[in-house]
């Protein structure tokens, strides 16, 4: 009876393509409990601010391969951590692992949850989401809720989430991504500013209580 969309570009698409009105109700996020590196130190030798993080599904549209290629252009002692499992995309995952097998600074953790996931979010120097396609990334929102400085592609669905509170690169452009990573590495003060603003910004803007209230209001209206 009604359609909920997560971003304005999808709302516009339904209107132009089908003449159909939709309801924009975004995802929500809660304030996170930041924790010290314990499990990640034991398992991967990671310390606070010692790595760049991608955390999410390992699928082609998320462009982890682009991130790996851009990372290899950059001179840094910080490791690259690719955290997450495949989703009907094991061949892509296997190919990515094989391509990066010669670089000991690239760590594939597989699927993570619980305290391990919390620690990875809590201690990254930079969180990168290089996607070509998104709805509204919960991983990006979660990363900010843990106080991460974020770098994402300039697609509307991600750019709308971070606003002016993070870095962006040109979608699909390896050189642009490498340049933004280098900038973040060379400007730790800017990274620290984004870290300090991230959690309050994202949690205030996308409160679950508001999201639930709007959703319930629409369901109640539809049921009447």
C-alpha atoms as a PDB file:
ATOM      1  CA  UNK A   1       0.000   0.000   0.000  1.00  0.00           C
ATOM      2  CA  UNK A   2       2.866   2.340   0.765  1.00  0.00           C
ATOM      3  CA  UNK A   3       6.588   2.363  -0.078  1.00  0.00           C
ATOM      4  CA  UNK A   4       9.371   3.410   2.269  1.00  0.00           C
ATOM      5  CA  UNK A   5      12.686   4.503   0.743  1.00  0.00           C
ATOM      6  CA  UNK A   6      16.015   5.168   2.427  1.00  0.00           C
ATOM      7  CA  UNK A   7      17.295   8.050   0.311  1.00  0.00           C
ATOM      8  CA  UNK A   8      16.104  10.957  -1.777  1.00  0.00           C
ATOM      9  CA  UNK A   9      17.450   9.640  -5.088  1.00  0.00           C
ATOM     10  CA  UNK A  10      15.268   6.527  -4.806  1.00  0.00           C
ATOM     11  CA  UNK A  11      12.275   8.703  -3.921  1.00  0.00           C
ATOM     12  CA  UNK A  12      12.917  10.767  -7.038  1.00  0.00           C
ATOM     13  CA  UNK A  13      13.356   7.595  -9.140  1.00  0.00           C
ATOM     14  CA  UNK A  14       9.951   6.197  -8.132  1.00  0.00           C
ATOM     15  CA  UNK A  15       8.300   9.553  -8.826  1.00  0.00           C
ATOM     16  CA  UNK A  16       9.851  10.030 -12.279  1.00  0.00           C
ATOM     17  CA  UNK A  17       9.665   6.412 -13.420  1.00  0.00           C
ATOM     18  CA  UNK A  18       6.321   5.287 -12.020  1.00  0.00           C
ATOM     19  CA  UNK A  19       4.632   8.487 -10.863  1.00  0.00           C
ATOM     20  CA  UNK A  20       4.552   6.899  -7.421  1.00  0.00           C
ATOM     21  CA  UNK A  21       4.803   8.835  -4.176  1.00  0.00           C
ATOM     22  CA  UNK A  22       7.011   7.231  -1.547  1.00  0.00           C
ATOM     23  CA  UNK A  23       7.964   7.958   2.056  1.00  0.00           C
ATOM     24  CA  UNK A  24      11.533   8.818   3.007  1.00  0.00           C
ATOM     25  CA  UNK A  25      12.322   7.201   6.363  1.00  0.00           C
ATOM     26  CA  UNK A  26      16.064   6.659   6.876  1.00  0.00           C
ATOM     27  CA  UNK A  27      17.853   3.973   8.852  1.00  0.00           C
ATOM     28  CA  UNK A  28      18.735   4.743  12.450  1.00  0.00           C
ATOM     29  CA  UNK A  29      21.791   4.250  14.637  1.00  0.00           C
ATOM     30  CA  UNK A  30      22.491   4.109  18.352  1.00  0.00           C
ATOM     31  CA  UNK A  31      25.400   5.556  20.298  1.00  0.00           C
ATOM     32  CA  UNK A  32      28.136   2.899  20.435  1.00  0.00           C
ATOM     33  CA  UNK A  33      30.294   1.717  23.293  1.00  0.00           C
ATOM     34  CA  UNK A  34      33.888   2.388  22.248  1.00  0.00           C
ATOM     35  CA  UNK A  35      36.341  -0.196  23.546  1.00  0.00           C
ATOM     36  CA  UNK A  36      40.075  -0.774  23.728  1.00  0.00           C
ATOM     37  CA  UNK A  37      41.940  -3.127  21.362  1.00  0.00           C
ATOM     38  CA  UNK A  38      42.142  -6.515  23.046  1.00  0.00           C
ATOM     39  CA  UNK A  39      40.913  -9.279  20.754  1.00  0.00           C
ATOM     40  CA  UNK A  40      42.210  -7.501  17.665  1.00  0.00           C
ATOM     41  CA  UNK A  41      45.634  -7.167  19.277  1.00  0.00           C
ATOM     42  CA  UNK A  42      45.690 -10.879  20.050  1.00  0.00           C
ATOM     43  CA  UNK A  43      44.331 -12.049  16.686  1.00  0.00           C
ATOM     44  CA  UNK A  44      45.820  -9.539  14.243  1.00  0.00           C
ATOM     45  CA  UNK A  45      48.424  -7.464  16.083  1.00  0.00           C
ATOM     46  CA  UNK A  46      46.330  -4.314  15.686  1.00  0.00           C
ATOM     47  CA  UNK A  47      46.581  -1.259  17.926  1.00  0.00           C
ATOM     48  CA  UNK A  48      44.516   1.928  18.026  1.00  0.00           C
ATOM     49  CA  UNK A  49      44.917   4.010  14.847  1.00  0.00           C
ATOM     50  CA  UNK A  50      47.203   1.395  13.294  1.00  0.00           C
ATOM     51  CA  UNK A  51      44.873   0.429  10.437  1.00  0.00           C
ATOM     52  CA  UNK A  52      42.419   1.540   7.778  1.00  0.00           C
ATOM     53  CA  UNK A  53      39.111  -0.345   7.956  1.00  0.00           C
ATOM     54  CA  UNK A  54      36.470  -1.599   5.576  1.00  0.00           C
ATOM     55  CA  UNK A  55      33.678  -3.493   7.310  1.00  0.00           C
ATOM     56  CA  UNK A  56      30.699  -4.846   5.388  1.00  0.00           C
ATOM     57  CA  UNK A  57      29.668  -7.455   2.851  1.00  0.00           C
ATOM     58  CA  UNK A  58      32.399  -8.450   0.394  1.00  0.00           C
ATOM     59  CA  UNK A  59      30.475  -8.041  -2.868  1.00  0.00           C
ATOM     60  CA  UNK A  60      31.460  -6.421  -6.204  1.00  0.00           C
ATOM     61  CA  UNK A  61      29.326  -3.297  -5.814  1.00  0.00           C
ATOM     62  CA  UNK A  62      31.071  -2.409  -2.538  1.00  0.00           C
ATOM     63  CA  UNK A  63      34.333  -2.093  -4.533  1.00  0.00           C
ATOM     64  CA  UNK A  64      36.728  -3.610  -1.982  1.00  0.00           C
ATOM     65  CA  UNK A  65      39.002  -4.376  -4.945  1.00  0.00           C
ATOM     66  CA  UNK A  66      39.203  -0.644  -5.695  1.00  0.00           C
ATOM     67  CA  UNK A  67      40.152   0.027  -2.073  1.00  0.00           C
ATOM     68  CA  UNK A  68      42.872  -2.640  -2.151  1.00  0.00           C
ATOM     69  CA  UNK A  69      44.326  -1.242  -5.385  1.00  0.00           C
ATOM     70  CA  UNK A  70      44.244   2.330  -4.059  1.00  0.00           C
ATOM     71  CA  UNK A  71      45.846   1.234  -0.795  1.00  0.00           C
ATOM     72  CA  UNK A  72      48.757  -0.303  -2.693  1.00  0.00           C
ATOM     73  CA  UNK A  73      49.466   3.107  -4.245  1.00  0.00           C
ATOM     74  CA  UNK A  74      49.956   4.644  -0.787  1.00  0.00           C
ATOM     75  CA  UNK A  75      53.141   4.579   1.255  1.00  0.00           C
ATOM     76  CA  UNK A  76      52.064   3.819   4.824  1.00  0.00           C
ATOM     77  CA  UNK A  77      52.785   1.580   7.784  1.00  0.00           C
ATOM     78  CA  UNK A  78      49.093   1.398   8.600  1.00  0.00           C
ATOM     79  CA  UNK A  79      47.482  -1.895   7.687  1.00  0.00           C
ATOM     80  CA  UNK A  80      44.336  -2.372   5.634  1.00  0.00           C
ATOM     81  CA  UNK A  81      41.690  -4.501   7.313  1.00  0.00           C
ATOM     82  CA  UNK A  82      38.903  -5.946   5.162  1.00  0.00           C
ATOM     83  CA  UNK A  83      36.259  -7.284   7.551  1.00  0.00           C
ATOM     84  CA  UNK A  84      33.132  -9.108   6.447  1.00  0.00           C
ATOM     85  CA  UNK A  85      31.851 -12.198   4.707  1.00  0.00           C
ATOM     86  CA  UNK A  86      30.750 -12.887   1.166  1.00  0.00           C
ATOM     87  CA  UNK A  87      27.097 -12.754   0.109  1.00  0.00           C
ATOM     88  CA  UNK A  88      26.584 -15.039  -2.911  1.00  0.00           C
ATOM     89  CA  UNK A  89      29.969 -13.687  -3.981  1.00  0.00           C
ATOM     90  CA  UNK A  90      32.540 -16.231  -2.814  1.00  0.00           C
ATOM     91  CA  UNK A  91      34.346 -16.123  -6.156  1.00  0.00           C
ATOM     92  CA  UNK A  92      34.861 -12.370  -5.781  1.00  0.00           C
ATOM     93  CA  UNK A  93      36.129 -12.861  -2.234  1.00  0.00           C
ATOM     94  CA  UNK A  94      38.518 -15.644  -3.279  1.00  0.00           C
ATOM     95  CA  UNK A  95      39.879 -13.550  -6.150  1.00  0.00           C
ATOM     96  CA  UNK A  96      40.437 -10.575  -3.865  1.00  0.00           C
ATOM     97  CA  UNK A  97      42.276 -12.664  -1.288  1.00  0.00           C
ATOM     98  CA  UNK A  98      44.461 -14.190  -4.008  1.00  0.00           C
ATOM     99  CA  UNK A  99      45.338 -10.779  -5.469  1.00  0.00           C
ATOM    100  CA  UNK A 100      46.408  -9.421  -2.084  1.00  0.00           C
ATOM    101  CA  UNK A 101      48.147 -12.573  -0.832  1.00  0.00           C
ATOM    102  CA  UNK A 102      51.576 -11.025  -1.390  1.00  0.00           C
ATOM    103  CA  UNK A 103      50.905  -8.017   0.846  1.00  0.00           C
ATOM    104  CA  UNK A 104      51.225  -8.906   4.554  1.00  0.00           C
ATOM    105  CA  UNK A 105      49.717  -5.557   5.555  1.00  0.00           C
ATOM    106  CA  UNK A 106      46.297  -6.475   4.127  1.00  0.00           C
ATOM    107  CA  UNK A 107      44.226  -8.484   6.599  1.00  0.00           C
ATOM    108  CA  UNK A 108      41.018 -10.340   5.726  1.00  0.00           C
ATOM    109  CA  UNK A 109      39.125 -11.182   8.915  1.00  0.00           C
ATOM    110  CA  UNK A 110      36.062 -12.868   7.455  1.00  0.00           C
ATOM    111  CA  UNK A 111      32.679 -12.280   9.063  1.00  0.00           C
ATOM    112  CA  UNK A 112      32.903 -10.450  12.413  1.00  0.00           C
ATOM    113  CA  UNK A 113      30.413  -9.824  15.203  1.00  0.00           C
ATOM    114  CA  UNK A 114      30.225  -9.023  18.899  1.00  0.00           C
ATOM    115  CA  UNK A 115      33.274  -7.693  20.707  1.00  0.00           C
ATOM    116  CA  UNK A 116      35.564  -8.273  17.728  1.00  0.00           C
ATOM    117  CA  UNK A 117      33.387  -6.069  15.555  1.00  0.00           C
ATOM    118  CA  UNK A 118      33.173  -3.443  18.315  1.00  0.00           C
ATOM    119  CA  UNK A 119      36.959  -3.341  18.654  1.00  0.00           C
ATOM    120  CA  UNK A 120      37.527  -3.026  14.913  1.00  0.00           C
ATOM    121  CA  UNK A 121      35.145  -0.056  14.708  1.00  0.00           C
ATOM    122  CA  UNK A 122      36.514   1.500  17.902  1.00  0.00           C
ATOM    123  CA  UNK A 123      40.197   1.619  16.979  1.00  0.00           C
ATOM    124  CA  UNK A 124      40.464   2.329  13.242  1.00  0.00           C
ATOM    125  CA  UNK A 125      42.360   5.376  12.014  1.00  0.00           C
ATOM    126  CA  UNK A 126      40.057   5.698   9.005  1.00  0.00           C
ATOM    127  CA  UNK A 127      36.914   3.880   7.853  1.00  0.00           C
ATOM    128  CA  UNK A 128      36.483   3.581   4.072  1.00  0.00           C
ATOM    129  CA  UNK A 129      33.308   2.717   2.155  1.00  0.00           C
ATOM    130  CA  UNK A 130      34.200   2.703  -1.575  1.00  0.00           C
ATOM    131  CA  UNK A 131      30.799   1.548  -2.884  1.00  0.00           C
ATOM    132  CA  UNK A 132      29.424   2.219  -6.341  1.00  0.00           C
ATOM    133  CA  UNK A 133      25.916   1.429  -5.114  1.00  0.00           C
ATOM    134  CA  UNK A 134      24.187   1.783  -1.748  1.00  0.00           C
ATOM    135  CA  UNK A 135      20.732   2.120  -0.265  1.00  0.00           C
ATOM    136  CA  UNK A 136      21.698   3.651   3.050  1.00  0.00           C
ATOM    137  CA  UNK A 137      24.718   1.981   4.543  1.00  0.00           C
ATOM    138  CA  UNK A 138      24.290   0.872   8.144  1.00  0.00           C
ATOM    139  CA  UNK A 139      28.019   0.102   8.245  1.00  0.00           C
ATOM    140  CA  UNK A 140      28.843   3.708   7.392  1.00  0.00           C
ATOM    141  CA  UNK A 141      26.456   4.941  10.068  1.00  0.00           C
ATOM    142  CA  UNK A 142      27.801   2.463  12.609  1.00  0.00           C
ATOM    143  CA  UNK A 143      31.375   3.511  11.855  1.00  0.00           C
ATOM    144  CA  UNK A 144      30.505   7.125  12.620  1.00  0.00           C
ATOM    145  CA  UNK A 145      28.637   6.136  15.791  1.00  0.00           C
ATOM    146  CA  UNK A 146      31.940   4.692  17.065  1.00  0.00           C
ATOM    147  CA  UNK A 147      33.649   8.021  16.412  1.00  0.00           C
ATOM    148  CA  UNK A 148      35.371   7.124  13.156  1.00  0.00           C
ATOM    149  CA  UNK A 149      36.674   9.488  10.545  1.00  0.00           C
ATOM    150  CA  UNK A 150      35.038   8.200   7.356  1.00  0.00           C
ATOM    151  CA  UNK A 151      35.919   8.287   3.665  1.00  0.00           C
ATOM    152  CA  UNK A 152      33.255   7.296   1.139  1.00  0.00           C
ATOM    153  CA  UNK A 153      32.513   7.540  -2.558  1.00  0.00           C
ATOM    154  CA  UNK A 154      30.593  10.607  -3.658  1.00  0.00           C
ATOM    155  CA  UNK A 155      27.375   8.752  -4.497  1.00  0.00           C
ATOM    156  CA  UNK A 156      24.343  10.591  -3.152  1.00  0.00           C
ATOM    157  CA  UNK A 157      23.342   7.713  -0.869  1.00  0.00           C
ATOM    158  CA  UNK A 158      26.608   7.916   1.087  1.00  0.00           C
ATOM    159  CA  UNK A 159      27.331  11.625   0.737  1.00  0.00           C
ATOM    160  CA  UNK A 160      23.918  12.413   2.245  1.00  0.00           C
ATOM    161  CA  UNK A 161      24.754  10.317   5.299  1.00  0.00           C
ATOM    162  CA  UNK A 162      28.081  11.937   6.154  1.00  0.00           C
ATOM    163  CA  UNK A 163      27.235  15.494   5.110  1.00  0.00           C
ATOM    164  CA  UNK A 164      30.303  17.650   5.729  1.00  0.00           C
ATOM    165  CA  UNK A 165      31.579  15.311   8.437  1.00  0.00           C
ATOM    166  CA  UNK A 166      34.006  13.171   6.454  1.00  0.00           C
ATOM    167  CA  UNK A 167      36.041  12.770   3.274  1.00  0.00           C
ATOM    168  CA  UNK A 168      34.767  11.830  -0.194  1.00  0.00           C
ATOM    169  CA  UNK A 169      36.358  10.571  -3.406  1.00  0.00           C
ATOM    170  CA  UNK A 170      35.076  10.264  -6.977  1.00  0.00           C
ATOM    171  CA  UNK A 171      33.109   7.046  -7.422  1.00  0.00           C
ATOM    172  CA  UNK A 172      35.133   4.311  -9.095  1.00  0.00           C
ATOM    173  CA  UNK A 173      38.276   6.460  -9.335  1.00  0.00           C
ATOM    174  CA  UNK A 174      41.275   4.623  -7.898  1.00  0.00           C
ATOM    175  CA  UNK A 175      43.557   7.649  -8.103  1.00  0.00           C
ATOM    176  CA  UNK A 176      41.022   9.865  -6.325  1.00  0.00           C
ATOM    177  CA  UNK A 177      40.595   7.283  -3.566  1.00  0.00           C
ATOM    178  CA  UNK A 178      44.353   6.906  -3.113  1.00  0.00           C
ATOM    179  CA  UNK A 179      44.733  10.691  -2.949  1.00  0.00           C
ATOM    180  CA  UNK A 180      42.087  11.003  -0.221  1.00  0.00           C
ATOM    181  CA  UNK A 181      43.671   8.209   1.808  1.00  0.00           C
ATOM    182  CA  UNK A 182      47.038   9.965   1.501  1.00  0.00           C
ATOM    183  CA  UNK A 183      45.474  13.254   2.579  1.00  0.00           C
ATOM    184  CA  UNK A 184      43.950  11.617   5.656  1.00  0.00           C
ATOM    185  CA  UNK A 185      47.286  10.020   6.536  1.00  0.00           C
ATOM    186  CA  UNK A 186      49.126  13.306   6.131  1.00  0.00           C
ATOM    187  CA  UNK A 187      46.575  15.367   8.093  1.00  0.00           C
ATOM    188  CA  UNK A 188      45.950  13.597  11.420  1.00  0.00           C
ATOM    189  CA  UNK A 189      44.542  16.797  12.927  1.00  0.00           C
ATOM    190  CA  UNK A 190      41.759  16.874  10.323  1.00  0.00           C
ATOM    191  CA  UNK A 191      41.076  13.197  10.973  1.00  0.00           C
ATOM    192  CA  UNK A 192      40.849  13.878  14.699  1.00  0.00           C
ATOM    193  CA  UNK A 193      38.358  16.712  14.145  1.00  0.00           C
ATOM    194  CA  UNK A 194      36.080  14.432  12.120  1.00  0.00           C
ATOM    195  CA  UNK A 195      36.405  11.711  14.767  1.00  0.00           C
ATOM    196  CA  UNK A 196      35.301  14.071  17.528  1.00  0.00           C
ATOM    197  CA  UNK A 197      32.221  15.226  15.587  1.00  0.00           C
ATOM    198  CA  UNK A 198      31.159  11.888  14.083  1.00  0.00           C
ATOM    199  CA  UNK A 199      29.214  10.150  16.842  1.00  0.00           C
ATOM    200  CA  UNK A 200      27.166  13.104  18.041  1.00  0.00           C
ATOM    201  CA  UNK A 201      26.355  14.147  14.478  1.00  0.00           C
ATOM    202  CA  UNK A 202      25.212  10.743  13.216  1.00  0.00           C
ATOM    203  CA  UNK A 203      23.342   9.664  16.349  1.00  0.00           C
ATOM    204  CA  UNK A 204      21.456  12.957  16.640  1.00  0.00           C
ATOM    205  CA  UNK A 205      20.549  13.078  12.961  1.00  0.00           C
ATOM    206  CA  UNK A 206      19.428   9.465  12.601  1.00  0.00           C
ATOM    207  CA  UNK A 207      17.873   8.550  15.954  1.00  0.00           C
ATOM    208  CA  UNK A 208      16.186   5.146  16.068  1.00  0.00           C
ATOM    209  CA  UNK A 209      13.363   6.539  18.221  1.00  0.00           C
ATOM    210  CA  UNK A 210      12.444   8.982  15.444  1.00  0.00           C
ATOM    211  CA  UNK A 211      12.770   6.307  12.754  1.00  0.00           C
ATOM    212  CA  UNK A 212      10.497   3.920  14.671  1.00  0.00           C
ATOM    213  CA  UNK A 213       7.949   6.667  15.344  1.00  0.00           C
ATOM    214  CA  UNK A 214       7.764   7.634  11.667  1.00  0.00           C
ATOM    215  CA  UNK A 215       7.469   4.003  10.585  1.00  0.00           C
ATOM    216  CA  UNK A 216       4.753   3.252  13.128  1.00  0.00           C
ATOM    217  CA  UNK A 217       2.860   6.391  12.072  1.00  0.00           C
ATOM    218  CA  UNK A 218       2.845   5.214   8.451  1.00  0.00           C
ATOM    219  CA  UNK A 219       1.809   1.645   9.359  1.00  0.00           C
ATOM    220  CA  UNK A 220      -1.032   2.969  11.545  1.00  0.00           C
ATOM    221  CA  UNK A 221      -2.237   5.304   8.798  1.00  0.00           C
ATOM    222  CA  UNK A 222      -2.152   2.483   6.243  1.00  0.00           C
ATOM    223  CA  UNK A 223      -4.096   0.126   8.509  1.00  0.00           C
ATOM    224  CA  UNK A 224      -6.914   2.629   9.121  1.00  0.00           C
END
